[in-house]
Amino acid sequence: LLLPYADLLWTSVLSVIIGFVLASAFSAIVVYAQELVPGNV
């Protein structure tokens, strides 16, 4: 929500924070789903 209103320095800082935090979801989502439906990896 802050990113569109930031200057160049803070845009780069916010993009790094966003990338780090948001990226952690996908591995957890895939493994969570595989454990919900075992045998269909």
Full PDB file with SEQRES, HELIX, SHEET, SSBOND, CRYST1, ORIGX, SCALE, CONECT and MASTER records, all heavy atoms in Angstrom:
SEQRES   1 A   41  LEU LEU LEU PRO TYR ALA ASP LEU LEU TRP THR SER VAL          
SEQRES   2 A   41  LEU SER VAL ILE ILE GLY PHE VAL LEU ALA SER ALA PHE          
SEQRES   3 A   41  SER ALA ILE VAL VAL TYR ALA GLN GLU LEU VAL PRO GLY          
SEQRES   4 A   41  ASN VAL                                                      
HELIX    1 AA1 LEU A    3  TYR A    5  5                                   3    
HELIX    2 AA2 LEU A    8  LEU A   36  1                                  29    
CRYST1    1.000    1.000    1.000  90.00  90.00  90.00 P 1           1          
ORIGX1      1.000000  0.000000  0.000000        0.00000                         
ORIGX2      0.000000  1.000000  0.000000        0.00000                         
ORIGX3      0.000000  0.000000  1.000000        0.00000                         
SCALE1      1.000000  0.000000  0.000000        0.00000                         
SCALE2      0.000000  1.000000  0.000000        0.00000                         
SCALE3      0.000000  0.000000  1.000000        0.00000                         
ATOM      1  N   LEU A   1       0.820  -1.213   0.000  1.00  0.00           N  
ATOM      2  CA  LEU A   1       0.000   0.000   0.000  1.00  0.00           C  
ATOM      3  C   LEU A   1       0.854   1.264   0.000  1.00  0.00           C  
ATOM      4  O   LEU A   1       0.434   2.316  -0.522  1.00  0.00           O  
ATOM      5  CB  LEU A   1      -0.935  -0.002   1.212  1.00  0.00           C  
ATOM      6  CG  LEU A   1      -2.056  -1.056   1.184  1.00  0.00           C  
ATOM      7  CD1 LEU A   1      -2.740  -1.152   2.538  1.00  0.00           C  
ATOM      8  CD2 LEU A   1      -3.078  -0.723   0.099  1.00  0.00           C  
ATOM      9  N   LEU A   2       2.059   1.180   0.553  1.00  0.00           N  
ATOM     10  CA  LEU A   2       2.961   2.340   0.588  1.00  0.00           C  
ATOM     11  C   LEU A   2       3.740   2.521  -0.714  1.00  0.00           C  
ATOM     12  O   LEU A   2       4.114   3.648  -1.069  1.00  0.00           O  
ATOM     13  CB  LEU A   2       3.960   2.189   1.743  1.00  0.00           C  
ATOM     14  CG  LEU A   2       3.433   2.417   3.162  1.00  0.00           C  
ATOM     15  CD1 LEU A   2       4.494   2.022   4.190  1.00  0.00           C  
ATOM     16  CD2 LEU A   2       3.028   3.876   3.359  1.00  0.00           C  
ATOM     17  N   LEU A   3       4.002   1.423  -1.434  1.00  0.00           N  
ATOM     18  CA  LEU A   3       4.909   1.448  -2.582  1.00  0.00           C  
ATOM     19  C   LEU A   3       4.581   2.512  -3.630  1.00  0.00           C  
ATOM     20  O   LEU A   3       5.492   3.213  -4.094  1.00  0.00           O  
ATOM     21  CB  LEU A   3       4.960   0.055  -3.236  1.00  0.00           C  
ATOM     22  CG  LEU A   3       5.935  -0.084  -4.408  1.00  0.00           C  
ATOM     23  CD1 LEU A   3       7.383   0.031  -3.931  1.00  0.00           C  
ATOM     24  CD2 LEU A   3       5.731  -1.412  -5.123  1.00  0.00           C  
ATOM     25  N   PRO A   4       3.320   2.691  -4.069  1.00  0.00           N  
ATOM     26  CA  PRO A   4       3.060   3.676  -5.144  1.00  0.00           C  
ATOM     27  C   PRO A   4       3.388   5.114  -4.770  1.00  0.00           C  
ATOM     28  O   PRO A   4       3.484   5.978  -5.656  1.00  0.00           O  
ATOM     29  CB  PRO A   4       1.546   3.514  -5.391  1.00  0.00           C  
ATOM     30  CG  PRO A   4       1.197   2.172  -4.841  1.00  0.00           C  
ATOM     31  CD  PRO A   4       2.107   1.973  -3.679  1.00  0.00           C  
ATOM     32  N   TYR A   5       3.558   5.412  -3.476  1.00  0.00           N  
ATOM     33  CA  TYR A   5       3.753   6.793  -3.034  1.00  0.00           C  
ATOM     34  C   TYR A   5       5.183   7.053  -2.561  1.00  0.00           C  
ATOM     35  O   TYR A   5       5.488   8.151  -2.083  1.00  0.00           O  
ATOM     36  CB  TYR A   5       2.762   7.104  -1.899  1.00  0.00           C  
ATOM     37  CG  TYR A   5       1.347   6.740  -2.260  1.00  0.00           C  
ATOM     38  CD1 TYR A   5       0.758   5.578  -1.771  1.00  0.00           C  
ATOM     39  CD2 TYR A   5       0.601   7.543  -3.126  1.00  0.00           C  
ATOM     40  CE1 TYR A   5      -0.530   5.216  -2.121  1.00  0.00           C  
ATOM     41  CE2 TYR A   5      -0.691   7.195  -3.482  1.00  0.00           C  
ATOM     42  CZ  TYR A   5      -1.252   6.032  -2.974  1.00  0.00           C  
ATOM     43  OH  TYR A   5      -2.534   5.683  -3.337  1.00  0.00           O  
ATOM     44  N   ALA A   6       6.072   6.071  -2.712  1.00  0.00           N  
ATOM     45  CA  ALA A   6       7.444   6.196  -2.211  1.00  0.00           C  
ATOM     46  C   ALA A   6       8.361   6.821  -3.259  1.00  0.00           C  
ATOM     47  O   ALA A   6       8.082   6.782  -4.463  1.00  0.00           O  
ATOM     48  CB  ALA A   6       7.963   4.820  -1.805  1.00  0.00           C  
ATOM     49  N   ASP A   7       9.497   7.394  -2.788  1.00  0.00           N  
ATOM     50  CA  ASP A   7      10.527   7.870  -3.708  1.00  0.00           C  
ATOM     51  C   ASP A   7      11.384   6.681  -4.156  1.00  0.00           C  
ATOM     52  O   ASP A   7      11.118   5.532  -3.777  1.00  0.00           O  
ATOM     53  CB  ASP A   7      11.378   8.961  -3.061  1.00  0.00           C  
ATOM     54  CG  ASP A   7      12.094   8.494  -1.787  1.00  0.00           C  
ATOM     55  OD1 ASP A   7      12.233   7.261  -1.585  1.00  0.00           O  
ATOM     56  OD2 ASP A   7      12.520   9.361  -0.993  1.00  0.00           O  
ATOM     57  N   LEU A   8      12.412   6.950  -4.963  1.00  0.00           N  
ATOM     58  CA  LEU A   8      13.186   5.858  -5.550  1.00  0.00           C  
ATOM     59  C   LEU A   8      13.860   4.995  -4.478  1.00  0.00           C  
ATOM     60  O   LEU A   8      13.826   3.758  -4.560  1.00  0.00           O  
ATOM     61  CB  LEU A   8      14.243   6.417  -6.509  1.00  0.00           C  
ATOM     62  CG  LEU A   8      15.150   5.379  -7.189  1.00  0.00           C  
ATOM     63  CD1 LEU A   8      14.334   4.390  -8.007  1.00  0.00           C  
ATOM     64  CD2 LEU A   8      16.185   6.077  -8.073  1.00  0.00           C  
ATOM     65  N   LEU A   9      14.468   5.629  -3.472  1.00  0.00           N  
ATOM     66  CA  LEU A   9      15.148   4.870  -2.423  1.00  0.00           C  
ATOM     67  C   LEU A   9      14.171   3.954  -1.692  1.00  0.00           C  
ATOM     68  O   LEU A   9      14.420   2.752  -1.537  1.00  0.00           O  
ATOM     69  CB  LEU A   9      15.821   5.822  -1.427  1.00  0.00           C  
ATOM     70  CG  LEU A   9      16.426   5.160  -0.183  1.00  0.00           C  
ATOM     71  CD1 LEU A   9      17.542   4.188  -0.577  1.00  0.00           C  
ATOM     72  CD2 LEU A   9      16.952   6.221   0.795  1.00  0.00           C  
ATOM     73  N   TRP A  10      13.051   4.518  -1.260  1.00  0.00           N  
ATOM     74  CA  TRP A  10      12.083   3.723  -0.506  1.00  0.00           C  
ATOM     75  C   TRP A  10      11.342   2.736  -1.387  1.00  0.00           C  
ATOM     76  O   TRP A  10      10.894   1.678  -0.906  1.00  0.00           O  
ATOM     77  CB  TRP A  10      11.106   4.631   0.240  1.00  0.00           C  
ATOM     78  CG  TRP A  10      11.716   5.152   1.507  1.00  0.00           C  
ATOM     79  CD1 TRP A  10      12.196   6.405   1.739  1.00  0.00           C  
ATOM     80  CD2 TRP A  10      11.952   4.401   2.692  1.00  0.00           C  
ATOM     81  NE1 TRP A  10      12.726   6.499   3.008  1.00  0.00           N  
ATOM     82  CE2 TRP A  10      12.579   5.275   3.624  1.00  0.00           C  
ATOM     83  CE3 TRP A  10      11.708   3.081   3.073  1.00  0.00           C  
ATOM     84  CZ2 TRP A  10      12.954   4.855   4.892  1.00  0.00           C  
ATOM     85  CZ3 TRP A  10      12.080   2.666   4.347  1.00  0.00           C  
ATOM     86  CH2 TRP A  10      12.689   3.550   5.240  1.00  0.00           C  
ATOM     87  N   THR A  11      11.217   3.033  -2.668  1.00  0.00           N  
ATOM     88  CA  THR A  11      10.640   2.053  -3.597  1.00  0.00           C  
ATOM     89  C   THR A  11      11.511   0.801  -3.642  1.00  0.00           C  
ATOM     90  O   THR A  11      11.003  -0.330  -3.595  1.00  0.00           O  
ATOM     91  CB  THR A  11      10.505   2.647  -5.008  1.00  0.00           C  
ATOM     92  OG1 THR A  11       9.550   3.717  -4.988  1.00  0.00           O  
ATOM     93  CG2 THR A  11      10.039   1.594  -6.012  1.00  0.00           C  
ATOM     94  N   SER A  12      12.829   0.991  -3.721  1.00  0.00           N  
ATOM     95  CA  SER A  12      13.738  -0.160  -3.758  1.00  0.00           C  
ATOM     96  C   SER A  12      13.712  -0.916  -2.435  1.00  0.00           C  
ATOM     97  O   SER A  12      13.705  -2.154  -2.417  1.00  0.00           O  
ATOM     98  CB  SER A  12      15.164   0.286  -4.085  1.00  0.00           C  
ATOM     99  OG  SER A  12      15.669   1.157  -3.087  1.00  0.00           O  
ATOM    100  N   VAL A  13      13.650  -0.188  -1.308  1.00  0.00           N  
ATOM    101  CA  VAL A  13      13.603  -0.837   0.010  1.00  0.00           C  
ATOM    102  C   VAL A  13      12.303  -1.623   0.171  1.00  0.00           C  
ATOM    103  O   VAL A  13      12.302  -2.794   0.591  1.00  0.00           O  
ATOM    104  CB  VAL A  13      13.744   0.202   1.142  1.00  0.00           C  
ATOM    105  CG1 VAL A  13      13.476  -0.441   2.505  1.00  0.00           C  
ATOM    106  CG2 VAL A  13      15.132   0.829   1.118  1.00  0.00           C  
ATOM    107  N   LEU A  14      11.189  -0.986  -0.163  1.00  0.00           N  
ATOM    108  CA  LEU A  14       9.885  -1.642  -0.019  1.00  0.00           C  
ATOM    109  C   LEU A  14       9.764  -2.857  -0.939  1.00  0.00           C  
ATOM    110  O   LEU A  14       9.188  -3.884  -0.549  1.00  0.00           O  
ATOM    111  CB  LEU A  14       8.759  -0.652  -0.317  1.00  0.00           C  
ATOM    112  CG  LEU A  14       8.524   0.439   0.741  1.00  0.00           C  
ATOM    113  CD1 LEU A  14       7.537   1.476   0.223  1.00  0.00           C  
ATOM    114  CD2 LEU A  14       8.011  -0.173   2.036  1.00  0.00           C  
ATOM    115  N   SER A  15      10.303  -2.757  -2.153  1.00  0.00           N  
ATOM    116  CA  SER A  15      10.217  -3.886  -3.077  1.00  0.00           C  
ATOM    117  C   SER A  15      10.993  -5.090  -2.553  1.00  0.00           C  
ATOM    118  O   SER A  15      10.560  -6.239  -2.730  1.00  0.00           O  
ATOM    119  CB  SER A  15      10.722  -3.487  -4.471  1.00  0.00           C  
ATOM    120  OG  SER A  15      12.121  -3.247  -4.462  1.00  0.00           O  
ATOM    121  N   VAL A  16      12.121  -4.843  -1.884  1.00  0.00           N  
ATOM    122  CA  VAL A  16      12.897  -5.938  -1.287  1.00  0.00           C  
ATOM    123  C   VAL A  16      12.105  -6.591  -0.145  1.00  0.00           C  
ATOM    124  O   VAL A  16      12.035  -7.825  -0.042  1.00  0.00           O  
ATOM    125  CB  VAL A  16      14.264  -5.420  -0.777  1.00  0.00           C  
ATOM    126  CG1 VAL A  16      14.935  -6.463   0.110  1.00  0.00           C  
ATOM    127  CG2 VAL A  16      15.169  -5.087  -1.963  1.00  0.00           C  
ATOM    128  N   ILE A  17      11.496  -5.771   0.718  1.00  0.00           N  
ATOM    129  CA  ILE A  17      10.681  -6.312   1.815  1.00  0.00           C  
ATOM    130  C   ILE A  17       9.505  -7.107   1.269  1.00  0.00           C  
ATOM    131  O   ILE A  17       9.209  -8.221   1.721  1.00  0.00           O  
ATOM    132  CB  ILE A  17      10.179  -5.176   2.725  1.00  0.00           C  
ATOM    133  CG1 ILE A  17      11.362  -4.477   3.402  1.00  0.00           C  
ATOM    134  CG2 ILE A  17       9.200  -5.715   3.777  1.00  0.00           C  
ATOM    135  CD1 ILE A  17      10.974  -3.214   4.156  1.00  0.00           C  
ATOM    136  N   ILE A  18       8.831  -6.553   0.264  1.00  0.00           N  
ATOM    137  CA  ILE A  18       7.684  -7.226  -0.345  1.00  0.00           C  
ATOM    138  C   ILE A  18       8.105  -8.563  -0.949  1.00  0.00           C  
ATOM    139  O   ILE A  18       7.453  -9.593  -0.743  1.00  0.00           O  
ATOM    140  CB  ILE A  18       7.043  -6.319  -1.422  1.00  0.00           C  
ATOM    141  CG1 ILE A  18       6.345  -5.125  -0.758  1.00  0.00           C  
ATOM    142  CG2 ILE A  18       6.046  -7.109  -2.280  1.00  0.00           C  
ATOM    143  CD1 ILE A  18       5.965  -4.027  -1.736  1.00  0.00           C  
ATOM    144  N   GLY A  19       9.197  -8.559  -1.692  1.00  0.00           N  
ATOM    145  CA  GLY A  19       9.671  -9.789  -2.319  1.00  0.00           C  
ATOM    146  C   GLY A  19      10.010 -10.861  -1.307  1.00  0.00           C  
ATOM    147  O   GLY A  19       9.633 -12.028  -1.463  1.00  0.00           O  
ATOM    148  N   PHE A  20      10.696 -10.472  -0.221  1.00  0.00           N  
ATOM    149  CA  PHE A  20      11.110 -11.436   0.808  1.00  0.00           C  
ATOM    150  C   PHE A  20       9.910 -12.047   1.523  1.00  0.00           C  
ATOM    151  O   PHE A  20       9.811 -13.266   1.678  1.00  0.00           O  
ATOM    152  CB  PHE A  20      12.030 -10.749   1.814  1.00  0.00           C  
ATOM    153  CG  PHE A  20      12.551 -11.679   2.875  1.00  0.00           C  
ATOM    154  CD1 PHE A  20      13.683 -12.446   2.656  1.00  0.00           C  
ATOM    155  CD2 PHE A  20      11.902 -11.791   4.094  1.00  0.00           C  
ATOM    156  CE1 PHE A  20      14.164 -13.309   3.621  1.00  0.00           C  
ATOM    157  CE2 PHE A  20      12.376 -12.650   5.075  1.00  0.00           C  
ATOM    158  CZ  PHE A  20      13.511 -13.413   4.838  1.00  0.00           C  
ATOM    159  N   VAL A  21       8.983 -11.203   1.962  1.00  0.00           N  
ATOM    160  CA  VAL A  21       7.848 -11.689   2.755  1.00  0.00           C  
ATOM    161  C   VAL A  21       6.870 -12.464   1.881  1.00  0.00           C  
ATOM    162  O   VAL A  21       6.426 -13.565   2.241  1.00  0.00           O  
ATOM    163  CB  VAL A  21       7.139 -10.513   3.454  1.00  0.00           C  
ATOM    164  CG1 VAL A  21       5.903 -11.005   4.209  1.00  0.00           C  
ATOM    165  CG2 VAL A  21       8.088  -9.805   4.415  1.00  0.00           C  
ATOM    166  N   LEU A  22       6.526 -11.927   0.723  1.00  0.00           N  
ATOM    167  CA  LEU A  22       5.516 -12.550  -0.127  1.00  0.00           C  
ATOM    168  C   LEU A  22       5.972 -13.890  -0.686  1.00  0.00           C  
ATOM    169  O   LEU A  22       5.171 -14.816  -0.856  1.00  0.00           O  
ATOM    170  CB  LEU A  22       5.154 -11.591  -1.268  1.00  0.00           C  
ATOM    171  CG  LEU A  22       3.906 -11.896  -2.096  1.00  0.00           C  
ATOM    172  CD1 LEU A  22       2.666 -11.969  -1.218  1.00  0.00           C  
ATOM    173  CD2 LEU A  22       3.720 -10.834  -3.183  1.00  0.00           C  
ATOM    174  N   ALA A  23       7.273 -14.030  -0.948  1.00  0.00           N  
ATOM    175  CA  ALA A  23       7.789 -15.241  -1.590  1.00  0.00           C  
ATOM    176  C   ALA A  23       7.698 -16.472  -0.697  1.00  0.00           C  
ATOM    177  O   ALA A  23       7.656 -17.596  -1.196  1.00  0.00           O  
ATOM    178  CB  ALA A  23       9.237 -15.032  -2.020  1.00  0.00           C  
ATOM    179  N   SER A  24       7.678 -16.278   0.615  1.00  0.00           N  
ATOM    180  CA  SER A  24       7.686 -17.430   1.516  1.00  0.00           C  
ATOM    181  C   SER A  24       6.403 -18.243   1.443  1.00  0.00           C  
ATOM    182  O   SER A  24       6.350 -19.366   1.957  1.00  0.00           O  
ATOM    183  CB  SER A  24       7.933 -16.962   2.953  1.00  0.00           C  
ATOM    184  OG  SER A  24       6.903 -16.087   3.380  1.00  0.00           O  
ATOM    185  N   ALA A  25       5.361 -17.705   0.796  1.00  0.00           N  
ATOM    186  CA  ALA A  25       4.055 -18.377   0.785  1.00  0.00           C  
ATOM    187  C   ALA A  25       4.016 -19.602  -0.110  1.00  0.00           C  
ATOM    188  O   ALA A  25       3.399 -20.611   0.247  1.00  0.00           O  
ATOM    189  CB  ALA A  25       2.970 -17.391   0.344  1.00  0.00           C  
ATOM    190  N   PHE A  26       4.657 -19.565  -1.277  1.00  0.00           N  
ATOM    191  CA  PHE A  26       4.361 -20.567  -2.293  1.00  0.00           C  
ATOM    192  C   PHE A  26       4.789 -21.977  -1.887  1.00  0.00           C  
ATOM    193  O   PHE A  26       4.031 -22.938  -2.087  1.00  0.00           O  
ATOM    194  CB  PHE A  26       4.987 -20.190  -3.641  1.00  0.00           C  
ATOM    195  CG  PHE A  26       4.510 -21.065  -4.759  1.00  0.00           C  
ATOM    196  CD1 PHE A  26       3.211 -20.981  -5.216  1.00  0.00           C  
ATOM    197  CD2 PHE A  26       5.357 -21.991  -5.353  1.00  0.00           C  
ATOM    198  CE1 PHE A  26       2.755 -21.795  -6.242  1.00  0.00           C  
ATOM    199  CE2 PHE A  26       4.918 -22.802  -6.371  1.00  0.00           C  
ATOM    200  CZ  PHE A  26       3.612 -22.705  -6.818  1.00  0.00           C  
ATOM    201  N   SER A  27       5.990 -22.127  -1.338  1.00  0.00           N  
ATOM    202  CA  SER A  27       6.429 -23.453  -0.905  1.00  0.00           C  
ATOM    203  C   SER A  27       5.462 -24.024   0.127  1.00  0.00           C  
ATOM    204  O   SER A  27       5.112 -25.213   0.093  1.00  0.00           O  
ATOM    205  CB  SER A  27       7.841 -23.387  -0.318  1.00  0.00           C  
ATOM    206  OG  SER A  27       8.774 -23.015  -1.299  1.00  0.00           O  
ATOM    207  N   ALA A  28       5.039 -23.172   1.069  1.00  0.00           N  
ATOM    208  CA  ALA A  28       4.096 -23.610   2.103  1.00  0.00           C  
ATOM    209  C   ALA A  28       2.763 -24.021   1.488  1.00  0.00           C  
ATOM    210  O   ALA A  28       2.154 -25.012   1.906  1.00  0.00           O  
ATOM    211  CB  ALA A  28       3.893 -22.495   3.133  1.00  0.00           C  
ATOM    212  N   ILE A  29       2.298 -23.278   0.482  1.00  0.00           N  
ATOM    213  CA  ILE A  29       1.025 -23.597  -0.173  1.00  0.00           C  
ATOM    214  C   ILE A  29       1.107 -24.947  -0.873  1.00  0.00           C  
ATOM    215  O   ILE A  29       0.200 -25.790  -0.754  1.00  0.00           O  
ATOM    216  CB  ILE A  29       0.637 -22.476  -1.158  1.00  0.00           C  
ATOM    217  CG1 ILE A  29       0.190 -21.223  -0.401  1.00  0.00           C  
ATOM    218  CG2 ILE A  29      -0.470 -22.943  -2.105  1.00  0.00           C  
ATOM    219  CD1 ILE A  29      -0.046 -20.015  -1.281  1.00  0.00           C  
ATOM    220  N   VAL A  30       2.189 -25.193  -1.615  1.00  0.00           N  
ATOM    221  CA  VAL A  30       2.320 -26.451  -2.365  1.00  0.00           C  
ATOM    222  C   VAL A  30       2.386 -27.646  -1.415  1.00  0.00           C  
ATOM    223  O   VAL A  30       1.674 -28.647  -1.608  1.00  0.00           O  
ATOM    224  CB  VAL A  30       3.573 -26.416  -3.277  1.00  0.00           C  
ATOM    225  CG1 VAL A  30       3.826 -27.788  -3.886  1.00  0.00           C  
ATOM    226  CG2 VAL A  30       3.389 -25.384  -4.384  1.00  0.00           C  
ATOM    227  N   VAL A  31       3.216 -27.560  -0.375  1.00  0.00           N  
ATOM    228  CA  VAL A  31       3.346 -28.677   0.563  1.00  0.00           C  
ATOM    229  C   VAL A  31       2.037 -28.890   1.337  1.00  0.00           C  
ATOM    230  O   VAL A  31       1.609 -30.028   1.558  1.00  0.00           O  
ATOM    231  CB  VAL A  31       4.520 -28.447   1.537  1.00  0.00           C  
ATOM    232  CG1 VAL A  31       4.594 -29.564   2.571  1.00  0.00           C  
ATOM    233  CG2 VAL A  31       5.834 -28.380   0.761  1.00  0.00           C  
ATOM    234  N   TYR A  32       1.384 -27.796   1.745  1.00  0.00           N  
ATOM    235  CA  TYR A  32       0.086 -27.884   2.426  1.00  0.00           C  
ATOM    236  C   TYR A  32      -0.906 -28.649   1.551  1.00  0.00           C  
ATOM    237  O   TYR A  32      -1.590 -29.570   2.014  1.00  0.00           O  
ATOM    238  CB  TYR A  32      -0.416 -26.466   2.706  1.00  0.00           C  
ATOM    239  CG  TYR A  32      -1.681 -26.362   3.541  1.00  0.00           C  
ATOM    240  CD1 TYR A  32      -1.623 -25.953   4.859  1.00  0.00           C  
ATOM    241  CD2 TYR A  32      -2.925 -26.638   3.002  1.00  0.00           C  
ATOM    242  CE1 TYR A  32      -2.773 -25.829   5.626  1.00  0.00           C  
ATOM    243  CE2 TYR A  32      -4.081 -26.526   3.759  1.00  0.00           C  
ATOM    244  CZ  TYR A  32      -3.992 -26.115   5.074  1.00  0.00           C  
ATOM    245  OH  TYR A  32      -5.142 -26.012   5.824  1.00  0.00           O  
ATOM    246  N   ALA A  33      -0.981 -28.276   0.271  1.00  0.00           N  
ATOM    247  CA  ALA A  33      -1.922 -28.932  -0.642  1.00  0.00           C  
ATOM    248  C   ALA A  33      -1.558 -30.397  -0.872  1.00  0.00           C  
ATOM    249  O   ALA A  33      -2.438 -31.263  -0.938  1.00  0.00           O  
ATOM    250  CB  ALA A  33      -1.963 -28.181  -1.971  1.00  0.00           C  
ATOM    251  N   GLN A  34      -0.265 -30.708  -1.001  1.00  0.00           N  
ATOM    252  CA  GLN A  34       0.165 -32.091  -1.206  1.00  0.00           C  
ATOM    253  C   GLN A  34      -0.175 -32.965  -0.002  1.00  0.00           C  
ATOM    254  O   GLN A  34      -0.482 -34.147  -0.150  1.00  0.00           O  
ATOM    255  CB  GLN A  34       1.660 -32.137  -1.505  1.00  0.00           C  
ATOM    256  CG  GLN A  34       2.025 -31.618  -2.888  1.00  0.00           C  
ATOM    257  CD  GLN A  34       3.517 -31.525  -3.132  1.00  0.00           C  
ATOM    258  OE1 GLN A  34       4.311 -31.436  -2.183  1.00  0.00           O  
ATOM    259  NE2 GLN A  34       3.927 -31.532  -4.383  1.00  0.00           N  
ATOM    260  N   GLU A  35      -0.143 -32.394   1.194  1.00  0.00           N  
ATOM    261  CA  GLU A  35      -0.487 -33.160   2.385  1.00  0.00           C  
ATOM    262  C   GLU A  35      -1.996 -33.295   2.556  1.00  0.00           C  
ATOM    263  O   GLU A  35      -2.466 -34.226   3.210  1.00  0.00           O  
ATOM    264  CB  GLU A  35       0.163 -32.520   3.616  1.00  0.00           C  
ATOM    265  CG  GLU A  35       1.684 -32.677   3.585  1.00  0.00           C  
ATOM    266  CD  GLU A  35       2.405 -31.948   4.710  1.00  0.00           C  
ATOM    267  OE1 GLU A  35       1.747 -31.097   5.379  1.00  0.00           O  
ATOM    268  OE2 GLU A  35       3.594 -32.201   4.923  1.00  0.00           O  
ATOM    269  N   LEU A  36      -2.757 -32.378   1.969  1.00  0.00           N  
ATOM    270  CA  LEU A  36      -4.213 -32.529   1.955  1.00  0.00           C  
ATOM    271  C   LEU A  36      -4.653 -33.642   1.011  1.00  0.00           C  
ATOM    272  O   LEU A  36      -5.651 -34.315   1.260  1.00  0.00           O  
ATOM    273  CB  LEU A  36      -4.885 -31.211   1.529  1.00  0.00           C  
ATOM    274  CG  LEU A  36      -4.914 -30.066   2.540  1.00  0.00           C  
ATOM    275  CD1 LEU A  36      -5.514 -28.826   1.889  1.00  0.00           C  
ATOM    276  CD2 LEU A  36      -5.715 -30.446   3.783  1.00  0.00           C  
ATOM    277  N   VAL A  37      -3.899 -33.824  -0.085  1.00  0.00           N  
ATOM    278  CA  VAL A  37      -4.258 -34.821  -1.102  1.00  0.00           C  
ATOM    279  C   VAL A  37      -3.054 -35.726  -1.349  1.00  0.00           C  
ATOM    280  O   VAL A  37      -2.409 -35.648  -2.403  1.00  0.00           O  
ATOM    281  CB  VAL A  37      -4.710 -34.149  -2.415  1.00  0.00           C  
ATOM    282  CG1 VAL A  37      -5.374 -35.166  -3.340  1.00  0.00           C  
ATOM    283  CG2 VAL A  37      -5.665 -32.991  -2.151  1.00  0.00           C  
ATOM    284  N   PRO A  38      -2.704 -36.595  -0.411  1.00  0.00           N  
ATOM    285  CA  PRO A  38      -1.527 -37.461  -0.583  1.00  0.00           C  
ATOM    286  C   PRO A  38      -1.724 -38.445  -1.726  1.00  0.00           C  
ATOM    287  O   PRO A  38      -2.854 -38.810  -2.056  1.00  0.00           O  
ATOM    288  CB  PRO A  38      -1.424 -38.189   0.766  1.00  0.00           C  
ATOM    289  CG  PRO A  38      -2.806 -38.163   1.320  1.00  0.00           C  
ATOM    290  CD  PRO A  38      -3.406 -36.863   0.862  1.00  0.00           C  
ATOM    291  N   GLY A  39      -0.615 -38.847  -2.340  1.00  0.00           N  
ATOM    292  CA  GLY A  39      -0.693 -39.783  -3.455  1.00  0.00           C  
ATOM    293  C   GLY A  39      -0.884 -39.116  -4.800  1.00  0.00           C  
ATOM    294  O   GLY A  39      -0.925 -39.788  -5.836  1.00  0.00           O  
ATOM    295  N   ASN A  40      -1.017 -37.786  -4.810  1.00  0.00           N  
ATOM    296  CA  ASN A  40      -1.185 -37.037  -6.066  1.00  0.00           C  
ATOM    297  C   ASN A  40      -0.193 -35.878  -6.109  1.00  0.00           C  
ATOM    298  O   ASN A  40      -0.561 -34.737  -6.409  1.00  0.00           O  
ATOM    299  CB  ASN A  40      -2.621 -36.516  -6.195  1.00  0.00           C  
ATOM    300  CG  ASN A  40      -3.626 -37.622  -6.388  1.00  0.00           C  
ATOM    301  OD1 ASN A  40      -3.849 -38.111  -7.492  1.00  0.00           O  
ATOM    302  ND2 ASN A  40      -4.242 -38.052  -5.291  1.00  0.00           N  
ATOM    303  N   VAL A  41       1.056 -36.188  -5.791  1.00  0.00           N  
ATOM    304  CA  VAL A  41       2.088 -35.164  -5.672  1.00  0.00           C  
ATOM    305  C   VAL A  41       2.258 -34.390  -6.978  1.00  0.00           C  
ATOM    306  O   VAL A  41       2.290 -33.159  -7.001  1.00  0.00           O  
ATOM    307  CB  VAL A  41       3.432 -35.800  -5.253  1.00  0.00           C  
ATOM    308  CG1 VAL A  41       4.556 -34.774  -5.311  1.00  0.00           C  
ATOM    309  CG2 VAL A  41       3.320 -36.392  -3.860  1.00  0.00           C  
TER     310      VAL A  41                                                      
MASTER        0    0    0    2    0    0    0    6  309    1    0    4          
END                                                                             
